[in-house]
């Protein structure tokens, strides 16, 4: 009987070892789903963008001098601006347009307005502020990308 019990234990261990060492193939399936999110964002530079639209007759001069020569803006709703120089301040039809922005656009953030325009092949940039009612503007004009140092200007919206 001793031998039968020993044979039984050996057979049990043998069966357990070979059963536990059985080769298994495990397949993990991973599904990857690419999601393309398209979001349309409309950027508006300011809360007050519509208030700047219109004709702003004004004047300019060199720094340190009171602005006395005509310099006016016509801000359009498509963010382009026409610059009038040395025309009749109150009459847009008779004003001489030396520079209309074709590549650049004006930009307004809160009460700050920047523009770029070309006169006689030269680039000029402006930086100015309006009052909270969008009636009065004052700023500076620079050559190239500089927004100051060349001229100062003021304007009132009509």
Protein backbone atom coordinates (compact mmCIF):
# COMPACT_ATOMS: atom_id res chain seq x y z
CA UNK A 1 0.00 0.00 0.00
CA UNK A 2 2.89 2.27 0.64
CA UNK A 3 3.92 2.00 -2.97
CA UNK A 4 0.46 2.78 -4.26
CA UNK A 5 0.26 5.92 -2.15
CA UNK A 6 3.73 7.00 -3.34
CA UNK A 7 2.76 6.30 -6.95
CA UNK A 8 -0.43 8.30 -6.44
CA UNK A 9 1.49 11.29 -5.03
CA UNK A 10 4.05 11.16 -7.87
CA UNK A 11 1.29 10.89 -10.48
CA UNK A 12 -0.59 13.79 -8.86
CA UNK A 13 2.51 16.02 -8.78
CA UNK A 14 3.43 15.04 -12.33
CA UNK A 15 -0.05 15.88 -13.59
CA UNK A 16 -0.10 19.16 -11.66
CA UNK A 17 3.30 20.27 -12.96
CA UNK A 18 2.53 19.47 -16.59
CA UNK A 19 -0.90 21.02 -16.37
CA UNK A 20 0.50 24.22 -14.78
CA UNK A 21 3.25 24.51 -17.41
CA UNK A 22 0.81 24.36 -20.26
CA UNK A 23 1.61 27.04 -22.85
CA UNK A 24 -1.07 29.65 -23.24
CA UNK A 25 -1.38 32.32 -25.90
CA UNK A 26 -2.86 35.51 -24.59
CA UNK A 27 -4.08 38.03 -27.11
CA UNK A 28 -4.87 41.50 -25.93
CA UNK A 29 -6.87 43.47 -28.45
CA UNK A 30 -6.54 47.21 -28.11
CA UNK A 31 -8.79 49.47 -30.09
CA UNK A 32 -7.41 52.91 -30.82
CA UNK A 33 -9.86 55.48 -31.97
CA UNK A 34 -8.45 58.73 -33.28
CA UNK A 35 -10.75 61.62 -32.77
CA UNK A 36 -10.31 64.74 -34.83
CA UNK A 37 -11.86 67.70 -33.12
CA UNK A 38 -12.53 70.66 -35.33
CA UNK A 39 -13.41 73.82 -33.52
CA UNK A 40 -14.24 77.06 -35.24
CA UNK A 41 -13.11 80.04 -33.24
CA UNK A 42 -14.13 83.54 -34.13
CA UNK A 43 -11.62 85.98 -32.72
CA UNK A 44 -12.80 89.47 -31.99
CA UNK A 45 -10.07 91.74 -30.76
CA UNK A 46 -12.29 93.86 -28.60
CA UNK A 47 -15.64 94.20 -27.00
CA UNK A 48 -15.91 97.68 -28.49
CA UNK A 49 -14.94 96.90 -32.12
CA UNK A 50 -18.13 98.27 -33.64
CA UNK A 51 -17.73 101.64 -31.92
CA UNK A 52 -14.54 102.56 -33.77
CA UNK A 53 -16.16 102.20 -37.21
CA UNK A 54 -16.50 105.54 -38.96
CA UNK A 55 -14.68 108.69 -39.97
CA UNK A 56 -12.27 110.26 -37.45
CA UNK A 57 -11.02 113.66 -38.67
CA UNK A 58 -7.93 114.85 -36.87
CA UNK A 59 -4.57 116.52 -37.05
CA UNK A 60 -0.89 115.66 -36.64
CA UNK A 61 2.46 117.33 -36.06
CA UNK A 62 5.97 116.48 -34.92
CA UNK A 63 6.42 115.61 -31.21
CA UNK A 64 6.47 118.65 -28.95
CA UNK A 65 4.22 120.66 -31.29
CA UNK A 66 0.46 120.93 -31.18
CA UNK A 67 -1.05 118.86 -34.03
CA UNK A 68 -2.11 121.32 -36.73
CA UNK A 69 -1.92 119.45 -40.08
CA UNK A 70 -4.87 117.33 -41.23
CA UNK A 71 -4.63 113.56 -40.61
CA UNK A 72 -7.80 111.49 -40.48
CA UNK A 73 -8.83 107.86 -40.24
CA UNK A 74 -11.74 106.09 -41.90
CA UNK A 75 -12.12 102.87 -39.90
CA UNK A 76 -14.11 100.25 -41.79
CA UNK A 77 -15.98 97.23 -40.44
CA UNK A 78 -13.64 94.82 -42.30
CA UNK A 79 -10.66 96.03 -40.19
CA UNK A 80 -9.16 98.12 -42.98
CA UNK A 81 -8.44 101.79 -42.54
CA UNK A 82 -8.05 104.61 -45.04
CA UNK A 83 -5.73 107.44 -44.07
CA UNK A 84 -6.47 111.00 -45.25
CA UNK A 85 -3.66 113.53 -45.19
CA UNK A 86 -3.80 117.29 -45.91
CA UNK A 87 -7.42 117.31 -47.04
CA UNK A 88 -10.42 119.22 -45.78
CA UNK A 89 -10.89 117.91 -42.24
CA UNK A 90 -14.68 117.82 -42.41
CA UNK A 91 -15.13 116.54 -45.96
CA UNK A 92 -14.14 112.94 -46.75
CA UNK A 93 -14.96 113.39 -50.45
CA UNK A 94 -12.37 116.14 -50.94
CA UNK A 95 -9.68 114.59 -48.73
CA UNK A 96 -6.63 113.25 -50.53
CA UNK A 97 -5.97 109.59 -49.75
CA UNK A 98 -2.23 108.95 -49.68
CA UNK A 99 -2.35 105.58 -48.01
CA UNK A 100 -4.96 102.88 -47.75
CA UNK A 101 -4.09 99.72 -45.88
CA UNK A 102 -4.05 96.86 -48.32
CA UNK A 103 -1.85 94.36 -46.47
CA UNK A 104 -2.26 95.33 -42.85
CA UNK A 105 -5.33 95.89 -40.74
CA UNK A 106 -6.13 98.09 -37.84
CA UNK A 107 -6.50 96.37 -34.53
CA UNK A 108 -8.40 97.49 -31.49
CA UNK A 109 -8.17 95.97 -28.04
CA UNK A 110 -10.37 97.65 -25.46
CA UNK A 111 -9.53 101.33 -26.06
CA UNK A 112 -6.13 100.86 -27.74
CA UNK A 113 -5.94 101.19 -31.53
CA UNK A 114 -2.95 100.25 -33.72
CA UNK A 115 -2.69 100.70 -37.48
CA UNK A 116 -0.17 100.27 -40.26
CA UNK A 117 -0.26 102.07 -43.59
CA UNK A 118 1.98 102.96 -46.50
CA UNK A 119 2.55 106.52 -47.74
CA UNK A 120 4.89 107.07 -50.66
CA UNK A 121 6.25 103.53 -50.38
CA UNK A 122 7.13 103.96 -46.68
CA UNK A 123 5.51 101.97 -43.89
CA UNK A 124 4.11 103.88 -40.92
CA UNK A 125 2.57 102.49 -37.73
CA UNK A 126 0.32 104.19 -35.20
CA UNK A 127 -0.53 103.54 -31.59
CA UNK A 128 -3.30 105.42 -29.86
CA UNK A 129 -6.09 105.28 -27.35
CA UNK A 130 -9.71 106.36 -27.41
CA UNK A 131 -11.85 107.57 -24.60
CA UNK A 132 -14.51 105.22 -23.19
CA UNK A 133 -17.21 106.83 -25.38
CA UNK A 134 -15.18 106.33 -28.58
CA UNK A 135 -15.35 110.00 -29.45
CA UNK A 136 -11.75 111.19 -28.93
CA UNK A 137 -8.48 109.59 -30.09
CA UNK A 138 -4.89 110.56 -29.43
CA UNK A 139 -1.75 108.72 -30.39
CA UNK A 140 1.65 108.61 -31.98
CA UNK A 141 2.96 107.72 -35.43
CA UNK A 142 6.24 105.97 -36.09
CA UNK A 143 8.19 104.93 -39.14
CA UNK A 144 8.30 101.26 -40.07
CA UNK A 145 7.11 99.07 -37.21
CA UNK A 146 7.88 101.73 -34.59
CA UNK A 147 4.67 103.25 -33.27
CA UNK A 148 6.16 106.48 -31.94
CA UNK A 149 8.88 109.06 -32.46
CA UNK A 150 7.81 110.47 -35.81
CA UNK A 151 4.51 112.32 -35.31
CA UNK A 152 1.70 112.80 -32.77
CA UNK A 153 -1.96 112.85 -33.78
CA UNK A 154 -5.43 113.51 -32.37
CA UNK A 155 -8.87 112.85 -33.84
CA UNK A 156 -12.58 113.10 -33.03
CA UNK A 157 -15.19 110.71 -34.37
CA UNK A 158 -17.85 112.29 -36.54
